[in-house]
Amino acid sequence: MKFILLIALAIVPGIAFAQTQQIQYSDISEIIMKKYQLTVENIDYTIFYRFSTGGEDRSSSEDEKAAIRLIEINKEKKAMVISLDEINQDDLMSIRFSQKLVSAPEQQLILLIDGKEKRYEFSTQDEKRTMVFMLPANSKQIEIVGTRVIPEFTSSLVIFTVIMPSIIFVSIVLSRRTWV
């Protein structure tokens, strides 16, 4: 009986770990944060976030009901737009994202919560930015506005900048042939 239990203990962890996917974390805080996968121009970005609320003992505990419903990049506003659900109380929100998604010179991003500008604390590590701010109860939308968002140039703009000079060049060459 002990032998069977010993074999089971040796095999079960191997099976459990065989099906996991290894993820590279920048630091330990990413392990406790939730993840949102955003795909922009066929490139995947992982956005880490956490909603926290002070408990009775004044420690920070996770708000399990609060959630991110959708994250989008708004190219016209140069913003990352985050739609929220179940923000039933004031929360402390932490969000970590690649600086490639939205950036500004000298770290001067603008944070809008339901259209109102709010203060935030931030830090950068490697190519990631972490923002921490108070999120009022019943908040529906966050906008993180920069001076540049990914993609900096859209596919149609790149095609336009390649095709137009080619058309002009061919037109000039063909018009010179008719002169000769």
N, C-alpha and C. Protein backbone atom coordinates (compact mmCIF):
# COMPACT_ATOMS: atom_id res chain seq x y z
N MET A 1 0.82 -1.19 0.00
CA MET A 1 0.00 0.00 0.00
C MET A 1 0.87 1.26 0.00
N LYS A 2 1.90 1.29 0.83
CA LYS A 2 2.80 2.44 0.86
C LYS A 2 3.52 2.60 -0.47
N PHE A 3 3.84 1.48 -1.11
CA PHE A 3 4.53 1.50 -2.39
C PHE A 3 3.65 2.17 -3.46
N ILE A 4 2.36 1.83 -3.48
CA ILE A 4 1.43 2.39 -4.45
C ILE A 4 1.28 3.90 -4.21
N LEU A 5 1.20 4.30 -2.95
CA LEU A 5 1.09 5.71 -2.61
C LEU A 5 2.35 6.47 -3.04
N LEU A 6 3.51 5.87 -2.84
CA LEU A 6 4.77 6.48 -3.23
C LEU A 6 4.85 6.65 -4.74
N ILE A 7 4.42 5.65 -5.49
CA ILE A 7 4.42 5.74 -6.95
C ILE A 7 3.45 6.82 -7.41
N ALA A 8 2.26 6.86 -6.79
CA ALA A 8 1.27 7.87 -7.16
C ALA A 8 1.81 9.28 -6.92
N LEU A 9 2.50 9.48 -5.81
CA LEU A 9 3.08 10.79 -5.52
C LEU A 9 4.18 11.16 -6.50
N ALA A 10 4.88 10.17 -7.01
CA ALA A 10 5.94 10.43 -7.97
C ALA A 10 5.38 10.72 -9.37
N ILE A 11 4.28 10.07 -9.74
CA ILE A 11 3.72 10.22 -11.08
C ILE A 11 2.83 11.44 -11.21
N VAL A 12 1.96 11.70 -10.24
CA VAL A 12 0.97 12.77 -10.34
C VAL A 12 1.62 14.15 -10.54
N PRO A 13 2.66 14.53 -9.79
CA PRO A 13 3.26 15.84 -10.06
C PRO A 13 3.84 15.92 -11.47
N GLY A 14 4.38 14.84 -11.97
CA GLY A 14 4.91 14.83 -13.33
C GLY A 14 3.83 15.08 -14.36
N ILE A 15 2.67 14.49 -14.15
CA ILE A 15 1.54 14.70 -15.06
C ILE A 15 1.06 16.14 -14.96
N ALA A 16 0.95 16.65 -13.76
CA ALA A 16 0.46 18.02 -13.56
C ALA A 16 1.39 19.04 -14.22
N PHE A 17 2.70 18.87 -14.06
CA PHE A 17 3.65 19.82 -14.62
C PHE A 17 3.86 19.63 -16.11
N ALA A 18 3.56 18.45 -16.63
CA ALA A 18 3.75 18.19 -18.05
C ALA A 18 2.80 19.03 -18.90
N GLN A 19 1.68 19.46 -18.34
CA GLN A 19 0.70 20.19 -19.12
C GLN A 19 0.73 21.69 -18.84
N THR A 20 1.67 22.17 -18.09
CA THR A 20 1.74 23.60 -17.81
C THR A 20 2.62 24.29 -18.84
N GLN A 21 2.35 25.57 -19.04
CA GLN A 21 3.15 26.37 -19.95
C GLN A 21 3.97 27.33 -19.11
N GLN A 22 5.25 27.36 -19.34
CA GLN A 22 6.12 28.22 -18.55
C GLN A 22 6.02 29.65 -19.05
N ILE A 23 5.85 30.59 -18.13
CA ILE A 23 5.75 32.00 -18.45
C ILE A 23 6.89 32.73 -17.75
N GLN A 24 7.48 33.68 -18.46
CA GLN A 24 8.56 34.47 -17.89
C GLN A 24 7.97 35.69 -17.19
N TYR A 25 8.20 35.82 -15.90
CA TYR A 25 7.70 36.96 -15.13
C TYR A 25 8.84 37.92 -14.84
N SER A 26 8.55 39.23 -14.91
CA SER A 26 9.56 40.24 -14.60
C SER A 26 9.89 40.24 -13.13
N ASP A 27 8.87 40.11 -12.30
CA ASP A 27 9.09 40.04 -10.87
C ASP A 27 7.93 39.31 -10.22
N ILE A 28 8.02 39.13 -8.94
CA ILE A 28 7.05 38.30 -8.21
C ILE A 28 5.65 38.90 -8.21
N SER A 29 5.51 40.22 -8.37
CA SER A 29 4.18 40.82 -8.35
C SER A 29 3.32 40.34 -9.52
N GLU A 30 3.94 39.99 -10.64
CA GLU A 30 3.18 39.50 -11.79
C GLU A 30 2.53 38.14 -11.50
N ILE A 31 3.07 37.41 -10.57
CA ILE A 31 2.50 36.10 -10.24
C ILE A 31 1.14 36.27 -9.57
N ILE A 32 0.97 37.29 -8.75
CA ILE A 32 -0.31 37.46 -8.05
C ILE A 32 -1.31 38.30 -8.83
N MET A 33 -0.88 38.88 -9.94
CA MET A 33 -1.77 39.72 -10.74
C MET A 33 -2.55 38.88 -11.75
N LYS A 34 -3.73 39.36 -12.13
CA LYS A 34 -4.50 38.73 -13.20
C LYS A 34 -3.89 39.15 -14.53
N LYS A 35 -4.22 38.40 -15.58
CA LYS A 35 -3.65 38.68 -16.89
C LYS A 35 -4.73 38.90 -17.93
N TYR A 36 -4.47 39.85 -18.83
CA TYR A 36 -5.35 40.11 -19.97
C TYR A 36 -4.47 40.05 -21.20
N GLN A 37 -4.85 39.23 -22.16
CA GLN A 37 -4.08 39.07 -23.39
C GLN A 37 -4.64 40.01 -24.46
N LEU A 38 -3.82 40.92 -24.95
CA LEU A 38 -4.22 41.88 -25.97
C LEU A 38 -3.40 41.62 -27.22
N THR A 39 -4.06 41.50 -28.36
CA THR A 39 -3.37 41.30 -29.63
C THR A 39 -3.53 42.56 -30.47
N VAL A 40 -2.40 43.14 -30.88
CA VAL A 40 -2.39 44.32 -31.72
C VAL A 40 -1.47 44.04 -32.89
N GLU A 41 -2.03 44.17 -34.12
CA GLU A 41 -1.25 43.92 -35.33
C GLU A 41 -0.54 42.55 -35.27
N ASN A 42 -1.27 41.53 -34.85
CA ASN A 42 -0.79 40.15 -34.76
C ASN A 42 0.34 39.95 -33.75
N ILE A 43 0.51 40.85 -32.81
CA ILE A 43 1.50 40.71 -31.75
C ILE A 43 0.75 40.63 -30.43
N ASP A 44 1.06 39.62 -29.61
CA ASP A 44 0.40 39.43 -28.32
C ASP A 44 1.13 40.19 -27.21
N TYR A 45 0.35 40.89 -26.39
CA TYR A 45 0.87 41.60 -25.23
C TYR A 45 0.10 41.12 -24.01
N THR A 46 0.80 40.82 -22.94
CA THR A 46 0.15 40.45 -21.69
C THR A 46 0.10 41.67 -20.79
N ILE A 47 -1.10 42.01 -20.37
CA ILE A 47 -1.31 43.13 -19.46
C ILE A 47 -1.66 42.53 -18.11
N PHE A 48 -0.90 42.88 -17.09
CA PHE A 48 -1.12 42.38 -15.74
C PHE A 48 -1.90 43.44 -14.96
N TYR A 49 -2.84 43.00 -14.13
CA TYR A 49 -3.62 43.96 -13.35
C TYR A 49 -4.10 43.32 -12.05
N ARG A 50 -4.46 44.19 -11.11
CA ARG A 50 -4.99 43.73 -9.84
C ARG A 50 -5.83 44.84 -9.23
N PHE A 51 -6.99 44.44 -8.70
CA PHE A 51 -7.86 45.35 -7.95
C PHE A 51 -7.71 44.98 -6.48
N SER A 52 -7.40 45.95 -5.63
CA SER A 52 -7.23 45.69 -4.21
C SER A 52 -8.10 46.65 -3.40
N THR A 53 -8.51 46.15 -2.24
CA THR A 53 -9.29 46.98 -1.33
C THR A 53 -8.77 46.75 0.08
N GLY A 54 -8.77 47.78 0.88
CA GLY A 54 -8.30 47.63 2.26
C GLY A 54 -9.28 46.82 3.08
N GLY A 55 -8.77 45.83 3.78
CA GLY A 55 -9.62 45.01 4.65
C GLY A 55 -9.78 45.64 6.01
N GLU A 56 -10.41 44.92 6.94
CA GLU A 56 -10.61 45.43 8.30
C GLU A 56 -9.29 45.69 9.00
N ASP A 57 -8.29 44.88 8.70
CA ASP A 57 -6.99 45.06 9.35
C ASP A 57 -6.09 46.03 8.58
N ARG A 58 -6.69 46.79 7.65
CA ARG A 58 -5.99 47.79 6.84
C ARG A 58 -4.98 47.17 5.87
N SER A 59 -4.98 45.86 5.72
CA SER A 59 -4.10 45.25 4.73
C SER A 59 -4.84 45.24 3.40
N SER A 60 -4.12 45.06 2.35
CA SER A 60 -4.72 45.08 1.03
C SER A 60 -5.09 43.67 0.60
N SER A 61 -6.35 43.48 0.27
CA SER A 61 -6.78 42.18 -0.22
C SER A 61 -7.41 42.36 -1.60
N GLU A 62 -7.41 41.30 -2.38
CA GLU A 62 -7.89 41.38 -3.75
C GLU A 62 -9.41 41.51 -3.80
N ASP A 63 -9.87 42.37 -4.68
CA ASP A 63 -11.30 42.51 -4.95
C ASP A 63 -11.63 41.49 -6.04
N GLU A 64 -12.25 40.40 -5.66
CA GLU A 64 -12.51 39.28 -6.58
C GLU A 64 -13.59 39.60 -7.60
N LYS A 65 -14.52 40.51 -7.30
CA LYS A 65 -15.63 40.80 -8.21
C LYS A 65 -15.22 41.75 -9.33
N ALA A 66 -14.36 42.70 -9.04
CA ALA A 66 -13.95 43.68 -10.04
C ALA A 66 -13.24 42.99 -11.19
N ALA A 67 -13.51 43.46 -12.42
CA ALA A 67 -12.92 42.80 -13.59
C ALA A 67 -12.73 43.77 -14.74
N ILE A 68 -11.79 43.43 -15.59
CA ILE A 68 -11.61 44.12 -16.86
C ILE A 68 -12.43 43.35 -17.90
N ARG A 69 -13.31 44.06 -18.57
CA ARG A 69 -14.14 43.43 -19.61
C ARG A 69 -13.43 43.46 -20.96
N LEU A 70 -12.76 44.57 -21.28
CA LEU A 70 -12.16 44.74 -22.60
C LEU A 70 -11.04 45.77 -22.53
N ILE A 71 -9.98 45.52 -23.28
CA ILE A 71 -8.91 46.51 -23.45
C ILE A 71 -8.71 46.70 -24.94
N GLU A 72 -8.68 47.96 -25.36
CA GLU A 72 -8.48 48.29 -26.77
C GLU A 72 -7.48 49.42 -26.89
N ILE A 73 -6.84 49.51 -28.05
CA ILE A 73 -5.97 50.63 -28.36
C ILE A 73 -6.76 51.57 -29.28
N ASN A 74 -6.91 52.82 -28.87
CA ASN A 74 -7.58 53.83 -29.68
C ASN A 74 -6.50 54.68 -30.33
N LYS A 75 -6.27 54.46 -31.62
CA LYS A 75 -5.18 55.14 -32.33
C LYS A 75 -5.42 56.64 -32.44
N GLU A 76 -6.68 57.04 -32.63
CA GLU A 76 -6.98 58.46 -32.79
C GLU A 76 -6.69 59.23 -31.50
N LYS A 77 -7.08 58.67 -30.36
CA LYS A 77 -6.85 59.33 -29.07
C LYS A 77 -5.46 59.05 -28.52
N LYS A 78 -4.72 58.12 -29.16
CA LYS A 78 -3.41 57.68 -28.68
C LYS A 78 -3.55 57.18 -27.24
N ALA A 79 -4.52 56.27 -27.06
CA ALA A 79 -4.85 55.82 -25.72
C ALA A 79 -5.11 54.32 -25.67
N MET A 80 -4.87 53.76 -24.50
CA MET A 80 -5.31 52.41 -24.19
C MET A 80 -6.59 52.58 -23.39
N VAL A 81 -7.68 51.99 -23.89
CA VAL A 81 -9.00 52.15 -23.28
C VAL A 81 -9.38 50.84 -22.60
N ILE A 82 -9.72 50.92 -21.32
CA ILE A 82 -10.03 49.73 -20.52
C ILE A 82 -11.46 49.84 -20.03
N SER A 83 -12.29 48.87 -20.43
CA SER A 83 -13.68 48.83 -19.97
C SER A 83 -13.77 47.93 -18.75
N LEU A 84 -14.50 48.37 -17.73
CA LEU A 84 -14.54 47.70 -16.42
C LEU A 84 -15.93 47.15 -16.10
N ASP A 85 -15.96 46.15 -15.23
CA ASP A 85 -17.19 45.58 -14.70
C ASP A 85 -17.05 45.38 -13.20
N GLU A 86 -18.16 45.49 -12.50
CA GLU A 86 -18.26 45.14 -11.07
C GLU A 86 -17.31 45.94 -10.17
N ILE A 87 -17.16 47.21 -10.44
CA ILE A 87 -16.38 48.06 -9.53
C ILE A 87 -17.38 48.60 -8.51
N ASN A 88 -17.66 47.80 -7.49
CA ASN A 88 -18.71 48.11 -6.53
C ASN A 88 -18.24 48.93 -5.33
N GLN A 89 -16.95 49.15 -5.23
CA GLN A 89 -16.39 49.92 -4.12
C GLN A 89 -15.13 50.60 -4.61
N ASP A 90 -14.62 51.54 -3.83
CA ASP A 90 -13.34 52.16 -4.18
C ASP A 90 -12.27 51.09 -4.12
N ASP A 91 -11.47 50.99 -5.17
CA ASP A 91 -10.39 50.01 -5.25
C ASP A 91 -9.08 50.71 -5.56
N LEU A 92 -8.02 50.07 -5.19
CA LEU A 92 -6.68 50.47 -5.60
C LEU A 92 -6.34 49.57 -6.78
N MET A 93 -6.12 50.15 -7.95
CA MET A 93 -5.83 49.35 -9.13
C MET A 93 -4.36 49.47 -9.48
N SER A 94 -3.78 48.32 -9.79
CA SER A 94 -2.42 48.25 -10.31
C SER A 94 -2.51 47.66 -11.71
N ILE A 95 -1.80 48.26 -12.65
CA ILE A 95 -1.78 47.73 -14.01
C ILE A 95 -0.37 47.83 -14.56
N ARG A 96 0.07 46.77 -15.20
CA ARG A 96 1.42 46.71 -15.77
C ARG A 96 1.29 46.32 -17.24
N PHE A 97 1.94 47.11 -18.10
CA PHE A 97 1.84 46.87 -19.54
C PHE A 97 3.14 47.27 -20.23
N SER A 98 3.32 46.77 -21.44
CA SER A 98 4.49 47.11 -22.23
C SER A 98 4.44 48.58 -22.62
N GLN A 99 5.57 49.25 -22.52
CA GLN A 99 5.64 50.66 -22.92
C GLN A 99 5.45 50.82 -24.43
N LYS A 100 5.54 49.71 -25.16
CA LYS A 100 5.29 49.77 -26.60
C LYS A 100 3.81 50.05 -26.89
N LEU A 101 2.91 49.66 -25.97
CA LEU A 101 1.48 49.85 -26.20
C LEU A 101 1.09 51.32 -26.20
N VAL A 102 1.50 52.03 -25.18
CA VAL A 102 1.21 53.47 -25.08
C VAL A 102 2.37 54.11 -24.32
N SER A 103 2.87 55.23 -24.85
CA SER A 103 4.00 55.88 -24.21
C SER A 103 3.90 57.39 -24.37
N ALA A 104 4.72 58.07 -23.59
CA ALA A 104 4.80 59.53 -23.63
C ALA A 104 6.20 59.92 -23.17
N PRO A 105 6.71 61.06 -23.65
CA PRO A 105 8.04 61.47 -23.20
C PRO A 105 8.05 61.76 -21.71
N GLU A 106 9.17 61.46 -21.09
CA GLU A 106 9.37 61.71 -19.66
C GLU A 106 8.26 61.12 -18.80
N GLN A 107 7.72 60.01 -19.22
CA GLN A 107 6.73 59.26 -18.43
C GLN A 107 5.46 60.03 -18.13
N GLN A 108 5.09 61.00 -18.95
CA GLN A 108 3.92 61.84 -18.67
C GLN A 108 2.67 61.34 -19.37
N LEU A 109 2.14 60.24 -18.92
CA LEU A 109 0.87 59.74 -19.42
C LEU A 109 -0.27 60.46 -18.71
N ILE A 110 -1.42 60.50 -19.35
CA ILE A 110 -2.61 61.08 -18.73
C ILE A 110 -3.56 59.94 -18.39
N LEU A 111 -4.05 59.92 -17.16
CA LEU A 111 -4.99 58.90 -16.70
C LEU A 111 -6.37 59.53 -16.59
N LEU A 112 -7.33 58.97 -17.33
CA LEU A 112 -8.71 59.43 -17.26
C LEU A 112 -9.57 58.27 -16.76
N ILE A 113 -10.36 58.54 -15.74
CA ILE A 113 -11.32 57.55 -15.24
C ILE A 113 -12.71 58.14 -15.46
N ASP A 114 -13.48 57.49 -16.31
CA ASP A 114 -14.79 57.99 -16.72
C ASP A 114 -14.71 59.45 -17.18
N GLY A 115 -13.65 59.75 -17.94
CA GLY A 115 -13.49 61.08 -18.53
C GLY A 115 -12.85 62.13 -17.65
N LYS A 116 -12.59 61.81 -16.39
CA LYS A 116 -11.99 62.78 -15.46
C LYS A 116 -10.53 62.42 -15.21
N GLU A 117 -9.67 63.44 -15.30
CA GLU A 117 -8.24 63.20 -15.09
C GLU A 117 -7.98 62.88 -13.63
N LYS A 118 -7.16 61.85 -13.39
CA LYS A 118 -6.82 61.39 -12.04
C LYS A 118 -5.31 61.28 -11.90
N ARG A 119 -4.88 61.33 -10.64
CA ARG A 119 -3.45 61.19 -10.31
C ARG A 119 -3.10 59.71 -10.20
N TYR A 120 -1.83 59.40 -10.41
CA TYR A 120 -1.36 58.03 -10.30
C TYR A 120 0.10 58.02 -9.91
N GLU A 121 0.53 56.89 -9.42
CA GLU A 121 1.95 56.63 -9.15
C GLU A 121 2.41 55.65 -10.22
N PHE A 122 3.68 55.70 -10.58
CA PHE A 122 4.15 54.77 -11.61
C PHE A 122 5.58 54.35 -11.34
N SER A 123 5.94 53.26 -11.96
CA SER A 123 7.33 52.81 -11.98
C SER A 123 7.56 52.13 -13.32
N THR A 124 8.81 52.07 -13.73
CA THR A 124 9.16 51.36 -14.94
C THR A 124 10.25 50.34 -14.61
N GLN A 125 10.15 49.22 -15.29
CA GLN A 125 11.15 48.16 -15.14
C GLN A 125 11.28 47.49 -16.49
N ASP A 126 12.50 47.41 -16.97
CA ASP A 126 12.75 46.88 -18.31
C ASP A 126 11.91 47.69 -19.29
N GLU A 127 11.04 47.05 -20.04
CA GLU A 127 10.20 47.76 -21.01
C GLU A 127 8.76 47.80 -20.55
N LYS A 128 8.52 47.63 -19.25
CA LYS A 128 7.16 47.62 -18.72
C LYS A 128 6.94 48.80 -17.79
N ARG A 129 5.70 49.29 -17.81
CA ARG A 129 5.30 50.39 -16.94
C ARG A 129 4.23 49.86 -15.99
N THR A 130 4.33 50.21 -14.72
CA THR A 130 3.31 49.88 -13.73
C THR A 130 2.70 51.17 -13.24
N MET A 131 1.36 51.22 -13.28
CA MET A 131 0.63 52.38 -12.77
C MET A 131 -0.25 51.92 -11.62
N VAL A 132 -0.31 52.74 -10.56
CA VAL A 132 -1.14 52.44 -9.40
C VAL A 132 -1.98 53.68 -9.13
N PHE A 133 -3.30 53.48 -8.94
CA PHE A 133 -4.20 54.60 -8.74
C PHE A 133 -5.47 54.15 -8.04
N MET A 134 -6.18 55.13 -7.48
CA MET A 134 -7.46 54.86 -6.84
C MET A 134 -8.54 54.85 -7.91
N LEU A 135 -9.36 53.82 -7.86
CA LEU A 135 -10.45 53.64 -8.81
C LEU A 135 -11.76 53.80 -8.04
N PRO A 136 -12.51 54.86 -8.31
CA PRO A 136 -13.76 55.08 -7.56
C PRO A 136 -14.81 54.00 -7.86
N ALA A 137 -15.69 53.79 -6.89
CA ALA A 137 -16.79 52.84 -7.06
C ALA A 137 -17.61 53.22 -8.29
N ASN A 138 -18.12 52.21 -8.97
CA ASN A 138 -18.96 52.35 -10.16
C ASN A 138 -18.23 52.89 -11.38
N SER A 139 -16.91 52.87 -11.39
CA SER A 139 -16.15 53.29 -12.57
C SER A 139 -16.43 52.32 -13.71
N LYS A 140 -16.49 52.86 -14.92
CA LYS A 140 -16.79 52.05 -16.10
C LYS A 140 -15.66 52.01 -17.11
N GLN A 141 -14.83 53.08 -17.15
CA GLN A 141 -13.81 53.13 -18.19
C GLN A 141 -12.57 53.88 -17.73
N ILE A 142 -11.43 53.34 -18.13
CA ILE A 142 -10.13 53.97 -17.88
C ILE A 142 -9.50 54.24 -19.23
N GLU A 143 -8.91 55.42 -19.38
CA GLU A 143 -8.12 55.73 -20.57
C GLU A 143 -6.73 56.13 -20.11
N ILE A 144 -5.74 55.49 -20.67
CA ILE A 144 -4.35 55.86 -20.43
C ILE A 144 -3.87 56.49 -21.73
N VAL A 145 -3.70 57.81 -21.70
CA VAL A 145 -3.42 58.58 -22.92
C VAL A 145 -1.95 58.94 -22.96
N GLY A 146 -1.34 58.70 -24.11
CA GLY A 146 0.06 59.05 -24.32
C GLY A 146 0.22 59.92 -25.54
N THR A 147 1.44 59.99 -26.02
CA THR A 147 1.70 60.73 -27.25
C THR A 147 1.91 59.76 -28.42
N ARG A 148 1.99 58.45 -28.10
CA ARG A 148 2.19 57.44 -29.13
C ARG A 148 1.57 56.14 -28.65
N VAL A 149 0.91 55.44 -29.57
CA VAL A 149 0.39 54.09 -29.29
C VAL A 149 0.88 53.15 -30.38
N ILE A 150 0.85 51.88 -30.06
CA ILE A 150 1.21 50.88 -31.05
C ILE A 150 -0.03 50.52 -31.83
N PRO A 151 -0.04 50.31 -33.09
CA PRO A 151 1.11 50.49 -33.96
C PRO A 151 1.28 51.97 -34.30
N GLU A 152 2.54 52.38 -34.39
CA GLU A 152 2.80 53.77 -34.69
C GLU A 152 2.32 54.10 -36.11
N PHE A 153 2.55 53.21 -37.03
CA PHE A 153 2.06 53.35 -38.39
C PHE A 153 1.14 52.18 -38.67
N THR A 154 -0.04 52.47 -39.20
CA THR A 154 -0.95 51.39 -39.53
C THR A 154 -0.49 50.71 -40.81
N SER A 155 -0.97 49.50 -41.06
CA SER A 155 -0.60 48.75 -42.25
C SER A 155 -0.96 49.51 -43.51
N SER A 156 -2.11 50.15 -43.52
CA SER A 156 -2.53 50.88 -44.72
C SER A 156 -1.60 52.06 -44.99
N LEU A 157 -1.10 52.70 -43.95
CA LEU A 157 -0.18 53.81 -44.12
C LEU A 157 1.15 53.32 -44.69
N VAL A 158 1.62 52.18 -44.22
CA VAL A 158 2.87 51.62 -44.73
C VAL A 158 2.71 51.26 -46.20
N ILE A 159 1.60 50.63 -46.55
CA ILE A 159 1.34 50.27 -47.94
C ILE A 159 1.26 51.53 -48.80
N PHE A 160 0.58 52.55 -48.29
CA PHE A 160 0.45 53.81 -49.01
C PHE A 160 1.82 54.43 -49.27
N THR A 161 2.70 54.43 -48.27
CA THR A 161 4.01 55.05 -48.43
C THR A 161 4.92 54.25 -49.35
N VAL A 162 4.65 52.98 -49.55
CA VAL A 162 5.44 52.17 -50.48
C VAL A 162 4.87 52.25 -51.89
N ILE A 163 3.55 52.16 -52.02
CA ILE A 163 2.92 52.11 -53.33
C ILE A 163 2.93 53.47 -54.03
N MET A 164 2.63 54.55 -53.33
CA MET A 164 2.55 55.86 -53.98
C MET A 164 3.86 56.28 -54.64
N PRO A 165 5.01 56.17 -53.99
CA PRO A 165 6.25 56.52 -54.69
C PRO A 165 6.49 55.62 -55.91
N SER A 166 6.11 54.36 -55.82
CA SER A 166 6.27 53.45 -56.96
C SER A 166 5.41 53.89 -58.13
N ILE A 167 4.18 54.27 -57.86
CA ILE A 167 3.28 54.73 -58.92
C ILE A 167 3.82 56.02 -59.55
N ILE A 168 4.30 56.92 -58.75
CA ILE A 168 4.86 58.17 -59.27
C ILE A 168 6.09 57.89 -60.13
N PHE A 169 6.95 56.99 -59.67
CA PHE A 169 8.15 56.63 -60.42
C PHE A 169 7.78 56.02 -61.77
N VAL A 170 6.85 55.08 -61.77
CA VAL A 170 6.42 54.43 -63.02
C VAL A 170 5.79 55.46 -63.95
N SER A 171 5.00 56.37 -63.42
CA SER A 171 4.38 57.42 -64.24
C SER A 171 5.43 58.30 -64.90
N ILE A 172 6.46 58.67 -64.16
CA ILE A 172 7.52 59.52 -64.71
C ILE A 172 8.26 58.78 -65.80
N VAL A 173 8.60 57.52 -65.56
CA VAL A 173 9.33 56.72 -66.55
C VAL A 173 8.49 56.56 -67.81
N LEU A 174 7.20 56.26 -67.67
CA LEU A 174 6.33 56.08 -68.83
C LEU A 174 6.13 57.39 -69.59
N SER A 175 6.02 58.50 -68.87
CA SER A 175 5.84 59.78 -69.55
C SER A 175 7.10 60.18 -70.31
N ARG A 176 8.27 59.85 -69.84
CA ARG A 176 9.52 60.15 -70.55
C ARG A 176 9.64 59.30 -71.82
N ARG A 177 9.14 58.09 -71.77
CA ARG A 177 9.19 57.21 -72.96
C ARG A 177 8.36 57.79 -74.09
N THR A 178 7.24 58.40 -73.75
CA THR A 178 6.39 58.95 -74.79
C THR A 178 7.00 60.22 -75.40
N TRP A 179 7.90 60.90 -74.72
CA TRP A 179 8.55 62.09 -75.24
C TRP A 179 9.61 61.73 -76.27
N VAL A 180 10.20 60.54 -76.11
CA VAL A 180 11.32 60.18 -76.97
C VAL A 180 10.87 59.74 -78.32
